[in-house]
PDB file of N, CA and C in Angstrom:
ATOM      1  N   MET A   1     -48.506 -80.842 -24.644  1.00  0.00           N
ATOM      2  CA  MET A   1     -47.225 -80.186 -24.436  1.00  0.00           C
ATOM      3  C   MET A   1     -47.204 -78.783 -24.929  1.00  0.00           C
ATOM      4  N   ALA A   2     -46.829 -77.737 -24.164  1.00  0.00           N
ATOM      5  CA  ALA A   2     -46.841 -76.393 -24.787  1.00  0.00           C
ATOM      6  C   ALA A   2     -45.525 -76.190 -25.755  1.00  0.00           C
ATOM      7  N   HIS A   3     -45.595 -75.495 -26.754  1.00  0.00           N
ATOM      8  CA  HIS A   3     -44.681 -75.279 -27.644  1.00  0.00           C
ATOM      9  C   HIS A   3     -43.875 -73.827 -27.348  1.00  0.00           C
ATOM     10  N   HIS A   4     -42.540 -73.980 -26.975  1.00  0.00           N
ATOM     11  CA  HIS A   4     -41.834 -72.934 -26.486  1.00  0.00           C
ATOM     12  C   HIS A   4     -41.034 -72.132 -27.636  1.00  0.00           C
ATOM     13  N   ASN A   5     -41.215 -70.847 -27.647  1.00  0.00           N
ATOM     14  CA  ASN A   5     -40.550 -70.170 -28.617  1.00  0.00           C
ATOM     15  C   ASN A   5     -39.822 -69.009 -27.983  1.00  0.00           C
ATOM     16  N   GLY A   6     -38.749 -69.358 -27.073  1.00  0.00           N
ATOM     17  CA  GLY A   6     -37.966 -68.223 -26.360  1.00  0.00           C
ATOM     18  C   GLY A   6     -36.961 -67.706 -27.307  1.00  0.00           C
ATOM     19  N   PRO A   7     -36.298 -66.555 -26.803  1.00  0.00           N
ATOM     20  CA  PRO A   7     -35.278 -65.915 -27.776  1.00  0.00           C
ATOM     21  C   PRO A   7     -33.979 -66.764 -27.901  1.00  0.00           C
ATOM     22  N   ARG A   8     -33.866 -67.921 -27.012  1.00  0.00           N
ATOM     23  CA  ARG A   8     -32.612 -68.685 -27.102  1.00  0.00           C
ATOM     24  C   ARG A   8     -32.847 -69.978 -27.688  1.00  0.00           C
ATOM     25  N   LYS A   9     -34.077 -70.298 -28.175  1.00  0.00           N
ATOM     26  CA  LYS A   9     -34.285 -71.629 -28.693  1.00  0.00           C
ATOM     27  C   LYS A   9     -33.389 -71.978 -29.886  1.00  0.00           C
ATOM     28  N   LYS A  10     -33.103 -73.282 -29.968  1.00  0.00           N
ATOM     29  CA  LYS A  10     -32.179 -73.734 -30.980  1.00  0.00           C
ATOM     30  C   LYS A  10     -30.831 -73.130 -31.038  1.00  0.00           C
ATOM     31  N   THR A  11     -30.261 -72.909 -29.899  1.00  0.00           N
ATOM     32  CA  THR A  11     -28.860 -72.281 -29.819  1.00  0.00           C
ATOM     33  C   THR A  11     -27.981 -73.250 -29.095  1.00  0.00           C
ATOM     34  N   ARG A  12     -28.285 -74.492 -28.801  1.00  0.00           N
ATOM     35  CA  ARG A  12     -27.506 -75.381 -28.052  1.00  0.00           C
ATOM     36  C   ARG A  12     -26.142 -75.475 -28.797  1.00  0.00           C
ATOM     37  N   HIS A  13     -26.040 -75.561 -30.055  1.00  0.00           N
ATOM     38  CA  HIS A  13     -24.821 -75.885 -30.667  1.00  0.00           C
ATOM     39  C   HIS A  13     -24.331 -74.315 -31.119  1.00  0.00           C
ATOM     40  N   LYS A  14     -25.086 -73.493 -31.534  1.00  0.00           N
ATOM     41  CA  LYS A  14     -24.690 -72.248 -31.924  1.00  0.00           C
ATOM     42  C   LYS A  14     -23.816 -71.340 -30.867  1.00  0.00           C
ATOM     43  N   PHE A  15     -24.340 -71.381 -29.730  1.00  0.00           N
ATOM     44  CA  PHE A  15     -23.897 -70.532 -28.651  1.00  0.00           C
ATOM     45  C   PHE A  15     -22.738 -71.401 -27.924  1.00  0.00           C
ATOM     46  N   LYS A  16     -22.416 -72.569 -28.193  1.00  0.00           N
ATOM     47  CA  LYS A  16     -21.520 -73.427 -27.392  1.00  0.00           C
ATOM     48  C   LYS A  16     -20.093 -72.879 -27.540  1.00  0.00           C
ATOM     49  N   LYS A  17     -19.475 -72.930 -26.373  1.00  0.00           N
ATOM     50  CA  LYS A  17     -17.986 -72.349 -26.314  1.00  0.00           C
ATOM     51  C   LYS A  17     -17.037 -73.536 -26.456  1.00  0.00           C
ATOM     52  N   ALA A  18     -15.843 -73.236 -26.992  1.00  0.00           N
ATOM     53  CA  ALA A  18     -14.722 -74.197 -26.963  1.00  0.00           C
ATOM     54  C   ALA A  18     -14.333 -74.639 -25.566  1.00  0.00           C
ATOM     55  N   LEU A  19     -13.902 -75.790 -25.413  1.00  0.00           N
ATOM     56  CA  LEU A  19     -13.509 -76.232 -23.932  1.00  0.00           C
ATOM     57  C   LEU A  19     -12.737 -75.298 -23.277  1.00  0.00           C
ATOM     58  N   ARG A  20     -11.536 -74.841 -23.639  1.00  0.00           N
ATOM     59  CA  ARG A  20     -10.721 -73.852 -22.926  1.00  0.00           C
ATOM     60  C   ARG A  20     -11.223 -72.309 -22.873  1.00  0.00           C
ATOM     61  N   ARG A  21     -12.349 -72.137 -23.582  1.00  0.00           N
ATOM     62  CA  ARG A  21     -12.919 -70.781 -23.537  1.00  0.00           C
ATOM     63  C   ARG A  21     -14.025 -70.556 -22.565  1.00  0.00           C
ATOM     64  N   ARG A  22     -14.410 -71.594 -21.950  1.00  0.00           N
ATOM     65  CA  ARG A  22     -15.600 -71.728 -21.029  1.00  0.00           C
ATOM     66  C   ARG A  22     -15.303 -70.755 -19.765  1.00  0.00           C
ATOM     67  N   GLY A  23     -16.524 -70.406 -19.236  1.00  0.00           N
ATOM     68  CA  GLY A  23     -16.450 -69.482 -17.989  1.00  0.00           C
ATOM     69  C   GLY A  23     -16.611 -67.940 -18.514  1.00  0.00           C
ATOM     70  N   LEU A  24     -16.241 -67.201 -17.585  1.00  0.00           N
ATOM     71  CA  LEU A  24     -16.413 -65.761 -17.914  1.00  0.00           C
ATOM     72  C   LEU A  24     -15.337 -65.226 -18.858  1.00  0.00           C
ATOM     73  N   PRO A  25     -15.524 -64.225 -19.656  1.00  0.00           N
ATOM     74  CA  PRO A  25     -14.602 -63.714 -20.508  1.00  0.00           C
ATOM     75  C   PRO A  25     -13.641 -62.702 -19.760  1.00  0.00           C
ATOM     76  N   PRO A  26     -12.484 -62.335 -20.404  1.00  0.00           N
ATOM     77  CA  PRO A  26     -11.578 -61.369 -19.633  1.00  0.00           C
ATOM     78  C   PRO A  26     -12.220 -59.915 -19.579  1.00  0.00           C
ATOM     79  N   ALA A  27     -11.745 -59.250 -18.810  1.00  0.00           N
ATOM     80  CA  ALA A  27     -12.304 -57.944 -18.424  1.00  0.00           C
ATOM     81  C   ALA A  27     -12.171 -56.974 -19.622  1.00  0.00           C
ATOM     82  N   THR A  28     -11.129 -57.244 -20.341  1.00  0.00           N
ATOM     83  CA  THR A  28     -10.873 -56.223 -21.521  1.00  0.00           C
ATOM     84  C   THR A  28     -12.001 -56.337 -22.552  1.00  0.00           C
ATOM     85  N   SER A  29     -12.678 -57.371 -22.623  1.00  0.00           N
ATOM     86  CA  SER A  29     -14.010 -57.560 -23.574  1.00  0.00           C
ATOM     87  C   SER A  29     -14.980 -56.478 -23.089  1.00  0.00           C
ATOM     88  N   VAL A  30     -15.070 -56.142 -21.881  1.00  0.00           N
ATOM     89  CA  VAL A  30     -16.165 -55.242 -21.269  1.00  0.00           C
ATOM     90  C   VAL A  30     -15.873 -53.837 -21.665  1.00  0.00           C
ATOM     91  N   ILE A  31     -14.631 -53.473 -21.711  1.00  0.00           N
ATOM     92  CA  ILE A  31     -14.182 -51.967 -21.815  1.00  0.00           C
ATOM     93  C   ILE A  31     -13.631 -51.627 -23.245  1.00  0.00           C
ATOM     94  N   GLN A  32     -14.063 -52.453 -24.191  1.00  0.00           N
ATOM     95  CA  GLN A  32     -13.759 -52.246 -25.612  1.00  0.00           C
ATOM     96  C   GLN A  32     -14.392 -50.911 -26.009  1.00  0.00           C
ATOM     97  N   LYS A  33     -13.621 -50.095 -26.871  1.00  0.00           N
ATOM     98  CA  LYS A  33     -14.156 -49.117 -27.347  1.00  0.00           C
ATOM     99  C   LYS A  33     -14.246 -49.109 -28.923  1.00  0.00           C
ATOM    100  N   PHE A  34     -15.196 -48.618 -29.669  1.00  0.00           N
ATOM    101  CA  PHE A  34     -15.392 -48.697 -31.079  1.00  0.00           C
ATOM    102  C   PHE A  34     -15.529 -47.359 -31.739  1.00  0.00           C
ATOM    103  N   ASP A  35     -15.251 -47.092 -32.915  1.00  0.00           N
ATOM    104  CA  ASP A  35     -15.349 -45.872 -33.558  1.00  0.00           C
ATOM    105  C   ASP A  35     -16.579 -45.831 -34.364  1.00  0.00           C
ATOM    106  N   ILE A  36     -17.229 -44.715 -34.658  1.00  0.00           N
ATOM    107  CA  ILE A  36     -18.480 -44.617 -35.437  1.00  0.00           C
ATOM    108  C   ILE A  36     -17.976 -45.053 -36.930  1.00  0.00           C
ATOM    109  N   GLY A  37     -18.720 -46.007 -37.467  1.00  0.00           N
ATOM    110  CA  GLY A  37     -18.366 -46.340 -38.858  1.00  0.00           C
ATOM    111  C   GLY A  37     -17.403 -47.535 -38.928  1.00  0.00           C
ATOM    112  N   GLN A  38     -16.998 -48.044 -37.685  1.00  0.00           N
ATOM    113  CA  GLN A  38     -16.121 -49.219 -37.567  1.00  0.00           C
ATOM    114  C   GLN A  38     -16.868 -50.560 -37.864  1.00  0.00           C
ATOM    115  N   LYS A  39     -16.292 -51.548 -38.543  1.00  0.00           N
ATOM    116  CA  LYS A  39     -16.917 -52.735 -38.668  1.00  0.00           C
ATOM    117  C   LYS A  39     -16.678 -53.711 -37.533  1.00  0.00           C
ATOM    118  N   VAL A  40     -17.653 -54.356 -37.124  1.00  0.00           N
ATOM    119  CA  VAL A  40     -17.516 -55.367 -35.854  1.00  0.00           C
ATOM    120  C   VAL A  40     -18.211 -56.543 -36.274  1.00  0.00           C
ATOM    121  N   HIS A  41     -17.768 -57.726 -35.756  1.00  0.00           N
ATOM    122  CA  HIS A  41     -18.412 -59.037 -35.819  1.00  0.00           C
ATOM    123  C   HIS A  41     -19.232 -59.208 -34.634  1.00  0.00           C
ATOM    124  N   ILE A  42     -20.350 -59.740 -34.797  1.00  0.00           N
ATOM    125  CA  ILE A  42     -21.142 -60.259 -33.620  1.00  0.00           C
ATOM    126  C   ILE A  42     -20.967 -61.707 -33.345  1.00  0.00           C
ATOM    127  N   VAL A  43     -20.374 -61.861 -32.129  1.00  0.00           N
ATOM    128  CA  VAL A  43     -20.104 -63.276 -31.838  1.00  0.00           C
ATOM    129  C   VAL A  43     -20.549 -63.246 -30.229  1.00  0.00           C
ATOM    130  N   VAL A  44     -21.804 -63.958 -30.257  1.00  0.00           N
ATOM    131  CA  VAL A  44     -22.432 -63.818 -28.842  1.00  0.00           C
ATOM    132  C   VAL A  44     -21.600 -64.686 -27.892  1.00  0.00           C
ATOM    133  N   ASP A  45     -21.505 -64.181 -26.776  1.00  0.00           N
ATOM    134  CA  ASP A  45     -20.832 -64.822 -25.568  1.00  0.00           C
ATOM    135  C   ASP A  45     -21.919 -65.414 -24.663  1.00  0.00           C
ATOM    136  N   SER A  46     -22.273 -66.727 -24.715  1.00  0.00           N
ATOM    137  CA  SER A  46     -23.312 -67.183 -23.946  1.00  0.00           C
ATOM    138  C   SER A  46     -23.212 -67.148 -22.506  1.00  0.00           C
ATOM    139  N   SER A  47     -22.063 -66.826 -21.957  1.00  0.00           N
ATOM    140  CA  SER A  47     -21.927 -66.760 -20.430  1.00  0.00           C
ATOM    141  C   SER A  47     -22.456 -65.411 -19.951  1.00  0.00           C
ATOM    142  N   ILE A  48     -22.738 -64.488 -20.808  1.00  0.00           N
ATOM    143  CA  ILE A  48     -23.183 -63.126 -20.448  1.00  0.00           C
ATOM    144  C   ILE A  48     -24.450 -63.010 -21.198  1.00  0.00           C
ATOM    145  N   HIS A  49     -25.570 -62.802 -20.388  1.00  0.00           N
ATOM    146  CA  HIS A  49     -26.940 -62.889 -20.904  1.00  0.00           C
ATOM    147  C   HIS A  49     -27.262 -61.358 -21.203  1.00  0.00           C
ATOM    148  N   LYS A  50     -26.872 -60.516 -20.451  1.00  0.00           N
ATOM    149  CA  LYS A  50     -27.219 -58.951 -20.469  1.00  0.00           C
ATOM    150  C   LYS A  50     -26.707 -58.413 -21.815  1.00  0.00           C
ATOM    151  N   GLY A  51     -27.495 -57.652 -22.559  1.00  0.00           N
ATOM    152  CA  GLY A  51     -27.011 -57.136 -23.810  1.00  0.00           C
ATOM    153  C   GLY A  51     -26.722 -58.081 -24.906  1.00  0.00           C
ATOM    154  N   MET A  52     -27.223 -59.228 -24.784  1.00  0.00           N
ATOM    155  CA  MET A  52     -27.036 -60.242 -25.877  1.00  0.00           C
ATOM    156  C   MET A  52     -27.989 -59.944 -27.123  1.00  0.00           C
ATOM    157  N   PRO A  53     -27.372 -59.785 -28.321  1.00  0.00           N
ATOM    158  CA  PRO A  53     -28.203 -59.684 -29.459  1.00  0.00           C
ATOM    159  C   PRO A  53     -28.985 -60.879 -29.825  1.00  0.00           C
ATOM    160  N   HIS A  54     -30.001 -60.808 -30.715  1.00  0.00           N
ATOM    161  CA  HIS A  54     -30.783 -61.979 -31.129  1.00  0.00           C
ATOM    162  C   HIS A  54     -29.916 -63.035 -31.691  1.00  0.00           C
ATOM    163  N   ARG A  55     -30.281 -64.247 -31.689  1.00  0.00           N
ATOM    164  CA  ARG A  55     -29.563 -65.353 -32.159  1.00  0.00           C
ATOM    165  C   ARG A  55     -29.378 -65.300 -33.596  1.00  0.00           C
ATOM    166  N   ARG A  56     -30.096 -64.649 -34.417  1.00  0.00           N
ATOM    167  CA  ARG A  56     -30.204 -64.604 -35.977  1.00  0.00           C
ATOM    168  C   ARG A  56     -29.023 -63.749 -36.399  1.00  0.00           C
ATOM    169  N   PHE A  57     -28.547 -62.842 -35.426  1.00  0.00           N
ATOM    170  CA  PHE A  57     -27.401 -62.076 -35.968  1.00  0.00           C
ATOM    171  C   PHE A  57     -25.989 -62.562 -35.473  1.00  0.00           C
ATOM    172  N   HIS A  58     -25.980 -63.690 -34.732  1.00  0.00           N
ATOM    173  CA  HIS A  58     -24.688 -64.460 -34.411  1.00  0.00           C
ATOM    174  C   HIS A  58     -23.977 -64.679 -35.620  1.00  0.00           C
ATOM    175  N   GLY A  59     -22.645 -64.134 -35.677  1.00  0.00           N
ATOM    176  CA  GLY A  59     -21.889 -64.419 -36.819  1.00  0.00           C
ATOM    177  C   GLY A  59     -21.857 -63.427 -37.988  1.00  0.00           C
ATOM    178  N   ARG A  60     -22.867 -62.531 -37.882  1.00  0.00           N
ATOM    179  CA  ARG A  60     -22.828 -61.283 -38.821  1.00  0.00           C
ATOM    180  C   ARG A  60     -21.904 -60.246 -38.621  1.00  0.00           C
ATOM    181  N   THR A  61     -21.604 -59.394 -39.556  1.00  0.00           N
ATOM    182  CA  THR A  61     -20.912 -58.243 -39.476  1.00  0.00           C
ATOM    183  C   THR A  61     -21.604 -56.982 -39.730  1.00  0.00           C
ATOM    184  N   GLY A  62     -21.515 -55.969 -38.720  1.00  0.00           N
ATOM    185  CA  GLY A  62     -22.288 -54.708 -38.843  1.00  0.00           C
ATOM    186  C   GLY A  62     -21.242 -53.541 -38.729  1.00  0.00           C
ATOM    187  N   THR A  63     -21.981 -52.308 -38.806  1.00  0.00           N
ATOM    188  CA  THR A  63     -21.195 -51.135 -38.829  1.00  0.00           C
ATOM    189  C   THR A  63     -21.795 -50.362 -37.565  1.00  0.00           C
ATOM    190  N   VAL A  64     -20.787 -49.929 -36.825  1.00  0.00           N
ATOM    191  CA  VAL A  64     -21.172 -49.152 -35.498  1.00  0.00           C
ATOM    192  C   VAL A  64     -21.703 -47.831 -35.911  1.00  0.00           C
ATOM    193  N   THR A  65     -22.855 -47.541 -35.378  1.00  0.00           N
ATOM    194  CA  THR A  65     -23.592 -46.105 -35.726  1.00  0.00           C
ATOM    195  C   THR A  65     -23.599 -45.248 -34.672  1.00  0.00           C
ATOM    196  N   GLY A  66     -23.508 -45.826 -33.286  1.00  0.00           N
ATOM    197  CA  GLY A  66     -23.510 -45.080 -32.140  1.00  0.00           C
ATOM    198  C   GLY A  66     -23.458 -45.795 -30.926  1.00  0.00           C
ATOM    199  N   GLN A  67     -23.671 -45.147 -29.833  1.00  0.00           N
ATOM    200  CA  GLN A  67     -23.497 -45.720 -28.512  1.00  0.00           C
ATOM    201  C   GLN A  67     -24.710 -45.319 -27.631  1.00  0.00           C
ATOM    202  N   ARG A  68     -25.196 -46.391 -26.877  1.00  0.00           N
ATOM    203  CA  ARG A  68     -26.381 -46.222 -26.082  1.00  0.00           C
ATOM    204  C   ARG A  68     -26.086 -46.753 -24.664  1.00  0.00           C
ATOM    205  N   GLY A  69     -25.794 -45.852 -23.735  1.00  0.00           N
ATOM    206  CA  GLY A  69     -25.449 -46.387 -22.495  1.00  0.00           C
ATOM    207  C   GLY A  69     -24.082 -47.116 -22.589  1.00  0.00           C
ATOM    208  N   ARG A  70     -23.971 -48.412 -22.101  1.00  0.00           N
ATOM    209  CA  ARG A  70     -22.820 -49.205 -22.286  1.00  0.00           C
ATOM    210  C   ARG A  70     -22.806 -50.093 -23.550  1.00  0.00           C
ATOM    211  N   ALA A  71     -23.927 -49.953 -24.216  1.00  0.00           N
ATOM    212  CA  ALA A  71     -24.188 -50.788 -25.416  1.00  0.00           C
ATOM    213  C   ALA A  71     -23.863 -50.050 -26.658  1.00  0.00           C
ATOM    214  N   TRP A  72     -23.600 -50.736 -27.913  1.00  0.00           N
ATOM    215  CA  TRP A  72     -23.300 -50.144 -29.120  1.00  0.00           C
ATOM    216  C   TRP A  72     -24.445 -50.440 -30.077  1.00  0.00           C
ATOM    217  N   ILE A  73     -24.789 -49.413 -30.910  1.00  0.00           N
ATOM    218  CA  ILE A  73     -25.770 -49.623 -31.937  1.00  0.00           C
ATOM    219  C   ILE A  73     -25.122 -49.883 -33.246  1.00  0.00           C
ATOM    220  N   LEU A  74     -25.477 -50.967 -33.809  1.00  0.00           N
ATOM    221  CA  LEU A  74     -24.990 -51.426 -35.084  1.00  0.00           C
ATOM    222  C   LEU A  74     -26.003 -51.431 -36.169  1.00  0.00           C
ATOM    223  N   GLU A  75     -25.602 -51.306 -37.368  1.00  0.00           N
ATOM    224  CA  GLU A  75     -26.507 -51.433 -38.596  1.00  0.00           C
ATOM    225  C   GLU A  75     -26.035 -52.670 -39.290  1.00  0.00           C
ATOM    226  N   ILE A  76     -27.008 -53.633 -39.505  1.00  0.00           N
ATOM    227  CA  ILE A  76     -26.707 -54.820 -40.259  1.00  0.00           C
ATOM    228  C   ILE A  76     -27.563 -54.898 -41.455  1.00  0.00           C
ATOM    229  N   SER A  77     -26.973 -55.241 -42.670  1.00  0.00           N
ATOM    230  CA  SER A  77     -27.757 -55.381 -43.865  1.00  0.00           C
ATOM    231  C   SER A  77     -28.320 -56.923 -43.867  1.00  0.00           C
ATOM    232  N   ASP A  78     -29.693 -57.048 -43.980  1.00  0.00           N
ATOM    233  CA  ASP A  78     -30.351 -58.364 -43.890  1.00  0.00           C
ATOM    234  C   ASP A  78     -31.160 -58.476 -45.330  1.00  0.00           C
ATOM    235  N   GLY A  79     -30.526 -58.978 -46.381  1.00  0.00           N
ATOM    236  CA  GLY A  79     -31.080 -58.974 -47.559  1.00  0.00           C
ATOM    237  C   GLY A  79     -31.299 -57.502 -48.131  1.00  0.00           C
ATOM    238  N   ASN A  80     -32.454 -57.092 -48.413  1.00  0.00           N
ATOM    239  CA  ASN A  80     -32.849 -55.689 -48.920  1.00  0.00           C
ATOM    240  C   ASN A  80     -32.981 -54.704 -47.759  1.00  0.00           C
ATOM    241  N   ALA A  81     -33.064 -55.281 -46.456  1.00  0.00           N
ATOM    242  CA  ALA A  81     -33.492 -54.471 -45.268  1.00  0.00           C
ATOM    243  C   ALA A  81     -32.291 -54.147 -44.588  1.00  0.00           C
ATOM    244  N   THR A  82     -32.242 -52.958 -43.882  1.00  0.00           N
ATOM    245  CA  THR A  82     -31.088 -52.535 -42.874  1.00  0.00           C
ATOM    246  C   THR A  82     -31.714 -52.764 -41.527  1.00  0.00           C
ATOM    247  N   LYS A  83     -31.163 -53.450 -40.818  1.00  0.00           N
ATOM    248  CA  LYS A  83     -31.688 -53.752 -39.337  1.00  0.00           C
ATOM    249  C   LYS A  83     -30.675 -52.985 -38.336  1.00  0.00           C
ATOM    250  N   VAL A  84     -31.281 -52.574 -37.238  1.00  0.00           N
ATOM    251  CA  VAL A  84     -30.540 -51.870 -36.213  1.00  0.00           C
ATOM    252  C   VAL A  84     -30.412 -52.979 -35.020  1.00  0.00           C
ATOM    253  N   VAL A  85     -29.183 -53.340 -34.541  1.00  0.00           N
ATOM    254  CA  VAL A  85     -29.143 -54.169 -33.369  1.00  0.00           C
ATOM    255  C   VAL A  85     -28.288 -53.370 -32.304  1.00  0.00           C
ATOM    256  N   ILE A  86     -28.756 -53.608 -31.011  1.00  0.00           N
ATOM    257  CA  ILE A  86     -28.179 -52.962 -29.872  1.00  0.00           C
ATOM    258  C   ILE A  86     -27.344 -54.005 -29.187  1.00  0.00           C
ATOM    259  N   SER A  87     -26.223 -54.004 -28.837  1.00  0.00           N
ATOM    260  CA  SER A  87     -25.325 -55.157 -28.277  1.00  0.00           C
ATOM    261  C   SER A  87     -24.359 -54.414 -27.287  1.00  0.00           C
ATOM    262  N   ARG A  88     -24.074 -55.162 -26.241  1.00  0.00           N
ATOM    263  CA  ARG A  88     -22.993 -54.928 -25.412  1.00  0.00           C
ATOM    264  C   ARG A  88     -21.565 -55.293 -25.936  1.00  0.00           C
ATOM    265  N   PRO A  89     -20.566 -54.688 -25.548  1.00  0.00           N
ATOM    266  CA  PRO A  89     -19.275 -54.993 -26.244  1.00  0.00           C
ATOM    267  C   PRO A  89     -18.788 -56.372 -26.022  1.00  0.00           C
ATOM    268  N   GLN A  90     -19.265 -57.085 -24.922  1.00  0.00           N
ATOM    269  CA  GLN A  90     -18.905 -58.496 -24.845  1.00  0.00           C
ATOM    270  C   GLN A  90     -19.060 -59.427 -25.967  1.00  0.00           C
ATOM    271  N   HIS A  91     -20.130 -59.031 -26.746  1.00  0.00           N
ATOM    272  CA  HIS A  91     -20.519 -59.840 -27.883  1.00  0.00           C
ATOM    273  C   HIS A  91     -20.084 -59.309 -29.161  1.00  0.00           C
ATOM    274  N   LEU A  92     -19.224 -58.350 -29.094  1.00  0.00           N
ATOM    275  CA  LEU A  92     -18.580 -57.735 -30.440  1.00  0.00           C
ATOM    276  C   LEU A  92     -17.263 -57.936 -30.511  1.00  0.00           C
ATOM    277  N   LYS A  93     -16.644 -58.149 -31.634  1.00  0.00           N
ATOM    278  CA  LYS A  93     -15.155 -58.276 -32.045  1.00  0.00           C
ATOM    279  C   LYS A  93     -14.908 -57.322 -33.167  1.00  0.00           C
ATOM    280  N   ALA A  94     -13.855 -56.369 -33.026  1.00  0.00           N
ATOM    281  CA  ALA A  94     -13.527 -55.493 -34.118  1.00  0.00           C
ATOM    282  C   ALA A  94     -12.931 -56.387 -35.324  1.00  0.00           C
ATOM    283  N   GLN A  95     -13.286 -55.926 -36.547  1.00  0.00           N
ATOM    284  CA  GLN A  95     -12.785 -56.480 -37.638  1.00  0.00           C
ATOM    285  C   GLN A  95     -11.485 -56.061 -37.942  1.00  0.00           C
ATOM    286  N   LYS A  96     -10.516 -57.043 -38.222  1.00  0.00           N
ATOM    287  CA  LYS A  96      -9.188 -56.720 -38.504  1.00  0.00           C
ATOM    288  C   LYS A  96      -9.067 -56.192 -40.007  1.00  0.00           C
ATOM    289  N   VAL A  97      -8.214 -55.048 -40.074  1.00  0.00           N
ATOM    290  CA  VAL A  97      -8.062 -54.576 -41.357  1.00  0.00           C
ATOM    291  C   VAL A  97      -7.080 -55.192 -42.231  1.00  0.00           C
TER     292      VAL A  97
END
């Protein structure tokens, strides 16, 4: 049997939604705007596959550094390294101050 290593492997529990949150998200999540330098949480919405960040960044907090088309560019510190993540706004939540 072949060993599969897709980008969504081992995400059955991680990307699972609560019962009443299933289905498509509200339209307001698509038109979110963020400011440069703003902190955002990466919470992957499994019902939207386009612009989904990698599963290892689910639950992380990053800083918005720019915009690329409809997606936002984030910087995330991962140990000693700084990683750049490109994600659509459906998978981001603004951090409350």
